[in-house]
Amino acid sequence: MSDASPPIHCTLQPREAAAQVVDWASLRTLASATEAQENGVRLTFPATVSEQLDELVKREASCCAFLTFTKTHLGDEVVLEVTSADPNALPTISLISGVAPT
């Protein structure tokens, strides 16, 4: 029986990964709230950054298949949840969000 979970492995080259971390850090400055939750984090952004968020999430999802991204529009805000069923993914989630998941 094989494990269906993707391995905890980013497919980016080191330079690309570093640039992506900078992009997340830049976008995080626009978050109005960050909250640790079980298996991940929840970040709240103004709806005006929705397209920028979509682009970054798309890039991140393509290189880190072990992460799950759920985006919800709530009026003039966008909530992004970044989670993983694998606890080994928590350091990556923390790097993206700047918050240590619980």
Protein backbone atom coordinates (compact mmCIF):
# COMPACT_ATOMS: atom_id res chain seq x y z
CA MET A 1 0.00 0.00 0.00
CA SER A 2 1.47 3.37 -0.97
CA ASP A 3 1.04 6.70 0.77
CA ALA A 4 -1.05 9.08 -1.37
CA SER A 5 0.42 12.21 0.27
CA PRO A 6 2.92 14.14 -1.83
CA PRO A 7 6.43 14.20 -0.40
CA ILE A 8 7.57 17.23 1.57
CA HIS A 9 9.85 18.55 -1.12
CA CYS A 10 9.91 21.89 -2.94
CA THR A 11 10.76 21.53 -6.62
CA LEU A 12 12.22 25.04 -7.02
CA GLN A 13 15.91 25.72 -7.42
CA PRO A 14 17.43 27.58 -4.44
CA ARG A 15 17.43 30.99 -6.18
CA GLU A 16 13.79 30.59 -7.26
CA ALA A 17 12.80 29.45 -3.76
CA ALA A 18 14.52 32.46 -2.20
CA ALA A 19 12.68 34.81 -4.58
CA GLN A 20 9.38 33.16 -3.72
CA VAL A 21 10.04 33.60 0.02
CA VAL A 22 10.64 37.31 -0.65
CA ASP A 23 7.35 37.51 -2.58
CA TRP A 24 5.47 35.92 0.33
CA ALA A 25 7.13 38.28 2.81
CA SER A 26 6.14 41.27 0.67
CA LEU A 27 2.54 40.13 0.36
CA ARG A 28 2.36 39.35 4.09
CA THR A 29 2.92 43.03 4.85
CA LEU A 30 -0.54 43.63 3.37
CA ALA A 31 -2.26 41.10 5.64
CA SER A 32 -4.64 42.59 8.16
CA ALA A 33 -4.59 39.44 10.29
CA THR A 34 -2.63 36.22 10.65
CA GLU A 35 -3.75 33.35 12.79
CA ALA A 36 -2.20 30.00 13.59
CA GLN A 37 -4.59 27.09 13.35
CA GLU A 38 -4.32 23.35 13.51
CA ASN A 39 -2.25 22.09 10.58
CA GLY A 40 -1.64 25.56 9.17
CA VAL A 41 -2.40 29.25 9.18
CA ARG A 42 -5.08 31.70 8.14
CA LEU A 43 -4.12 35.03 6.59
CA THR A 44 -6.59 37.84 5.91
CA PHE A 45 -5.92 40.33 3.13
CA PRO A 46 -7.78 43.21 1.54
CA ALA A 47 -9.71 42.04 -1.53
CA THR A 48 -7.62 44.41 -3.65
CA VAL A 49 -4.71 41.94 -3.56
CA SER A 50 -6.81 38.95 -4.67
CA GLU A 51 -5.20 38.63 -8.10
CA GLN A 52 -1.69 39.04 -6.70
CA LEU A 53 -2.52 36.38 -4.12
CA ASP A 54 -3.89 34.05 -6.81
CA GLU A 55 -0.67 34.33 -8.81
CA LEU A 56 1.56 33.61 -5.82
CA VAL A 57 -0.61 30.71 -4.63
CA LYS A 58 -0.52 29.22 -8.13
CA ARG A 59 3.28 29.36 -8.17
CA GLU A 60 3.55 27.93 -4.66
CA ALA A 61 1.08 25.12 -5.34
CA SER A 62 3.04 24.07 -8.41
CA CYS A 63 6.29 23.60 -6.47
CA CYS A 64 4.95 22.48 -3.08
CA ALA A 65 2.22 19.95 -3.80
CA PHE A 66 2.14 18.97 -0.12
CA LEU A 67 0.39 22.26 0.76
CA THR A 68 -3.32 22.99 0.49
CA PHE A 69 -4.45 26.53 -0.25
CA THR A 70 -8.04 27.58 0.37
CA LYS A 71 -9.08 31.11 -0.55
CA THR A 72 -12.39 32.60 0.54
CA HIS A 73 -13.83 36.02 -0.30
CA LEU A 74 -15.55 37.71 2.65
CA GLY A 75 -16.84 41.12 1.56
CA ASP A 76 -13.87 43.42 1.14
CA GLU A 77 -11.43 40.81 2.46
CA VAL A 78 -9.83 37.62 1.19
CA VAL A 79 -8.95 34.85 3.63
CA LEU A 80 -6.23 32.40 2.67
CA GLU A 81 -5.76 29.19 4.60
CA VAL A 82 -2.49 27.33 4.05
CA THR A 83 -2.57 23.82 5.50
CA SER A 84 -1.10 20.36 5.19
CA ALA A 85 -2.09 17.01 6.62
CA ASP A 86 1.62 16.24 7.08
CA PRO A 87 3.14 17.85 10.18
CA ASN A 88 6.51 17.89 8.40
CA ALA A 89 5.09 20.69 6.22
CA LEU A 90 4.65 23.06 9.17
CA PRO A 91 8.09 24.72 8.78
CA THR A 92 7.26 25.54 5.16
CA ILE A 93 3.88 26.96 6.18
CA SER A 94 5.62 29.06 8.81
CA LEU A 95 8.10 30.35 6.23
CA ILE A 96 5.27 31.36 3.89
CA SER A 97 3.08 32.94 6.53
CA GLY A 98 5.47 34.25 9.16
CA VAL A 99 3.34 32.43 11.74
CA ALA A 100 4.12 29.18 13.56
CA PRO A 101 1.16 26.81 13.01
CA THR A 102 -0.24 24.93 15.98
